[in-house]
Structures are given as structure tokens and as C-alpha cells.
Amino acid sequence: MGIGKSKIIPSINVDDMLKKAGISHEIEAEKQDADKRFTEIREAKEALLKIHQDLQDAIKAERDTAMILKTAIDSSGNIINGICNAIVKAERNTRFKATIKFEHLVQLQQLLNQAIETWKTMLGNHRSEQAKMLTEHESNMRKILRRNEGVWFSDFWMKVLVIFLFVYTMALGLIVYCVA
């Protein structure tokens, strides 16, 4: 579509103009959008630079803190060594005076006497228990002997038995020796 068809002035193509105006408007919109994005990028860059500077400051502070802690550790080691040396020196040079009062000796003697009495009582109880057990055993042995259970020899008859067995063994040995 064209306006004014004259021979001297070329015709104006409205469609081309509208296209150029639309493109111009789009270019302007894109330019504004790009400017906005450039502004955002600049702000982000400034924020990143600030964060970078803060990180560098934090790293420097961390290094300083590590150096201070190392110095504190070295100092604490020296302090501990000094304390240990002081304790050892104090142990070597300390003298204790001990005194025993007469009242304490009396108390100790009383405690010893009580312990001795307790042991005497316990031993007396033990002996009486043993005597009771021995009496019960003798009683049981008498019962067994009265019922004629078991083998029992008096000392005399035991000697006679041993002599008899000795003579019998010798005689048997001589018979075997002579026969062979």
C-alpha cells in the first residue's frame, strides 16, 4: 500500500514504515530490557565484589585467630610445664612433721584390746563347735561298734595280725624258694 503517487516524490510505502516502526519499537523495548539486565548485572557484580571483600576479611581474621590460638597453645604448654616443675619441687622440698599424742596411743591400745577380745570370743566359739562335732562323731562311732558294723581291731590284735601275716609271707617265700 502506498500514499501519494506522484512522479516527483516516490511513493511512501506505509507497510514498510509500519514494519520499521514496529521493529524500532521492538528494538527500543529490547534496548530497555538489556539496560535493565545490565543494571541487574552491575548490581550483582557490586554484590559479588562486596561478598569477595567480606570473604577476604574473614580469611584474614581466621588466619589471625589461628595464629593467636597457636600462641595460646604454646603459652599453655609452658604454663603446664611450669606448674609440673613447681609441684615436683614442692614434693622434694616439703617436710612433714608428725606428732602422736598420748590420747591417740590410748585410743589405739583400746582398739587393739577390743580386737583381741573379739578374736578370743571367735576362737572360743570355734573350739566349742569343734568339741560338739567331735562328741557327735564319737557318739556315732560307738553306735556303729555296738551294732557290730565295720571291722575293728584293738591295738593288741592288730599287732598279732601283722606279725602273723609277716610270718606267713616269709614261710610261703621260703617254700617257693626251696621248691624252685
Protein backbone atom coordinates (compact mmCIF):
# COMPACT_ATOMS: atom_id res chain seq x y z
CA MET A 1 0.00 0.00 0.00
CA GLY A 2 1.33 3.38 -0.88
CA ILE A 3 0.33 7.03 -0.35
CA GLY A 4 0.52 9.75 -2.90
CA LYS A 5 1.57 8.59 -6.19
CA SER A 6 3.39 11.38 -7.68
CA LYS A 7 6.03 11.30 -10.23
CA ILE A 8 8.46 13.51 -8.45
CA ILE A 9 8.18 12.15 -4.99
CA PRO A 10 8.44 8.49 -4.78
CA SER A 11 5.58 6.77 -3.15
CA ILE A 12 5.70 6.09 0.57
CA ASN A 13 5.29 2.50 1.43
CA VAL A 14 3.20 2.51 4.62
CA ASP A 15 3.65 -1.18 5.24
CA ASP A 16 7.42 -0.78 5.23
CA MET A 17 7.11 2.21 7.53
CA LEU A 18 4.89 0.31 9.93
CA LYS A 19 7.29 -2.60 9.86
CA LYS A 20 10.21 -0.25 10.52
CA ALA A 21 8.27 1.43 13.34
CA GLY A 22 7.37 -1.97 14.81
CA ILE A 23 10.98 -3.07 14.55
CA SER A 24 12.09 0.23 16.07
CA HIS A 25 9.65 -0.22 18.90
CA GLU A 26 10.85 -3.80 19.43
CA ILE A 27 14.44 -2.62 19.33
CA GLU A 28 13.63 0.08 21.88
CA ALA A 29 11.88 -2.48 24.13
CA GLU A 30 14.81 -4.87 23.82
CA LYS A 31 17.20 -2.00 24.49
CA GLN A 32 15.32 -1.10 27.68
CA ASP A 33 15.27 -4.78 28.68
CA ALA A 34 19.02 -5.02 28.02
CA ASP A 35 19.61 -1.83 30.04
CA LYS A 36 17.61 -3.37 32.88
CA ARG A 37 19.66 -6.55 32.70
CA PHE A 38 22.92 -4.56 32.57
CA THR A 39 21.78 -2.71 35.70
CA GLU A 40 21.00 -6.03 37.42
CA ILE A 41 24.38 -7.43 36.32
CA ARG A 42 26.16 -4.32 37.68
CA GLU A 43 24.30 -4.66 40.99
CA ALA A 44 25.13 -8.39 41.13
CA LYS A 45 28.76 -7.58 40.30
CA GLU A 46 28.88 -5.00 43.11
CA ALA A 47 27.29 -7.51 45.50
CA LEU A 48 29.79 -10.19 44.45
CA LEU A 49 32.69 -7.75 44.92
CA LYS A 50 31.37 -6.91 48.40
CA ILE A 51 31.00 -10.63 49.24
CA HIS A 52 34.51 -11.27 47.87
CA GLN A 53 35.89 -8.50 50.09
CA ASP A 54 33.99 -9.89 53.10
CA LEU A 55 35.41 -13.36 52.39
CA GLN A 56 38.94 -11.97 52.19
CA ASP A 57 38.37 -10.19 55.51
CA ALA A 58 37.03 -13.41 57.05
CA ILE A 59 40.05 -15.40 55.78
CA LYS A 60 42.40 -12.79 57.24
CA ALA A 61 40.53 -12.88 60.55
CA GLU A 62 40.70 -16.71 60.52
CA ARG A 63 44.46 -16.60 59.94
CA ASP A 64 44.87 -14.10 62.77
CA THR A 65 42.73 -16.28 65.04
CA ALA A 66 44.75 -19.39 64.15
CA MET A 67 47.97 -17.52 64.93
CA ILE A 68 46.57 -16.34 68.28
CA LEU A 69 45.38 -19.88 69.14
CA LYS A 70 48.81 -21.32 68.29
CA THR A 71 50.43 -18.75 70.53
CA ALA A 72 47.94 -19.59 73.30
CA ILE A 73 48.67 -23.31 72.94
CA ASP A 74 52.41 -22.68 73.21
CA SER A 75 51.85 -20.48 76.25
CA SER A 76 49.60 -23.04 77.91
CA GLY A 77 52.25 -25.72 77.35
CA ASN A 78 54.81 -23.50 79.06
CA ILE A 79 52.39 -22.85 81.92
CA ILE A 80 51.70 -26.56 82.38
CA ASN A 81 55.43 -27.34 82.40
CA GLY A 82 55.97 -24.61 84.97
CA ILE A 83 53.18 -25.97 87.19
CA CYS A 84 54.54 -29.54 86.92
CA ASN A 85 58.04 -28.35 87.80
CA ALA A 86 56.67 -26.39 90.77
CA ILE A 87 54.78 -29.49 92.01
CA VAL A 88 57.88 -31.68 91.72
CA LYS A 89 59.98 -29.05 93.52
CA ALA A 90 57.36 -28.73 96.26
CA GLU A 91 57.24 -32.53 96.69
CA ARG A 92 61.01 -32.70 97.06
CA ASN A 93 61.31 -29.81 99.49
CA THR A 94 58.24 -30.42 101.66
CA ARG A 95 58.86 -31.84 105.11
CA PHE A 96 56.00 -33.07 107.24
CA LYS A 97 56.09 -33.06 110.99
CA ALA A 98 54.04 -35.75 112.58
CA THR A 99 53.30 -35.92 116.26
CA ILE A 100 51.40 -38.63 118.06
CA LYS A 101 49.56 -37.57 121.15
CA PHE A 102 49.18 -39.79 124.17
CA GLU A 103 45.38 -39.79 123.75
CA HIS A 104 45.79 -41.30 120.29
CA LEU A 105 48.02 -44.05 121.62
CA VAL A 106 45.44 -44.81 124.30
CA GLN A 107 42.71 -45.00 121.65
CA LEU A 108 44.90 -47.31 119.53
CA GLN A 109 45.53 -49.58 122.55
CA GLN A 110 41.80 -49.72 123.27
CA LEU A 111 41.06 -50.68 119.67
CA LEU A 112 43.71 -53.40 119.78
CA ASN A 113 42.33 -54.76 123.07
CA GLN A 114 38.81 -54.85 121.57
CA ALA A 115 40.12 -56.70 118.51
CA ILE A 116 41.92 -59.23 120.72
CA GLU A 117 38.76 -59.81 122.78
CA THR A 118 36.75 -60.30 119.60
CA TRP A 119 39.29 -62.88 118.34
CA LYS A 120 39.26 -64.68 121.68
CA THR A 121 35.47 -64.89 121.56
CA MET A 122 35.52 -66.16 117.99
CA LEU A 123 38.18 -68.78 118.79
CA GLY A 124 36.24 -69.91 121.88
CA ASN A 125 33.12 -70.33 119.75
CA HIS A 126 35.14 -72.26 117.17
CA ARG A 127 36.61 -74.61 119.79
CA SER A 128 33.20 -75.30 121.32
CA GLU A 129 31.80 -76.09 117.86
CA GLN A 130 34.72 -78.45 117.20
CA ALA A 131 34.17 -80.14 120.56
CA LYS A 132 30.49 -80.63 119.74
CA MET A 133 31.36 -82.10 116.36
CA LEU A 134 33.97 -84.43 117.92
CA THR A 135 31.47 -85.57 120.57
CA GLU A 136 28.87 -86.28 117.88
CA HIS A 137 31.46 -88.24 115.87
CA GLU A 138 32.45 -90.33 118.90
CA SER A 139 28.79 -90.99 119.61
CA ASN A 140 28.24 -92.15 116.04
CA MET A 141 31.32 -94.41 116.23
CA ARG A 142 30.04 -96.00 119.48
CA LYS A 143 26.69 -96.70 117.85
CA ILE A 144 28.41 -98.34 114.89
CA LEU A 145 30.59 -100.50 117.17
CA ARG A 146 27.63 -101.54 119.34
CA ARG A 147 25.81 -102.80 116.29
CA ASN A 148 28.97 -104.67 115.24
CA GLU A 149 29.16 -102.81 111.95
CA GLY A 150 32.51 -102.41 110.28
CA VAL A 151 35.85 -104.01 111.20
CA TRP A 152 37.51 -103.00 114.41
CA PHE A 153 40.70 -104.29 115.96
CA SER A 154 42.26 -103.29 119.21
CA ASP A 155 45.97 -102.41 119.22
CA PHE A 156 46.95 -105.86 120.59
CA TRP A 157 45.06 -107.86 117.99
CA MET A 158 46.28 -105.59 115.21
CA LYS A 159 49.88 -106.36 116.22
CA VAL A 160 49.12 -110.11 116.31
CA LEU A 161 47.57 -109.90 112.81
CA VAL A 162 50.55 -108.04 111.36
CA ILE A 163 53.05 -110.50 112.89
CA PHE A 164 51.03 -113.48 111.64
CA LEU A 165 50.86 -112.07 108.10
CA PHE A 166 54.63 -111.37 108.17
CA VAL A 167 55.46 -114.93 109.30
CA TYR A 168 53.03 -116.45 106.77
CA THR A 169 54.56 -114.41 103.91
CA MET A 170 58.11 -115.40 104.90
CA ALA A 171 57.18 -119.08 105.16
CA LEU A 172 55.46 -119.01 101.79
CA GLY A 173 58.50 -117.28 100.28
CA LEU A 174 60.85 -119.97 101.70
CA ILE A 175 58.68 -122.78 100.33
CA VAL A 176 58.65 -121.22 96.87
CA TYR A 177 62.43 -120.64 97.05
CA CYS A 178 63.16 -124.23 98.12
CA VAL A 179 60.88 -125.79 95.53
CA ALA A 180 62.25 -123.81 92.69
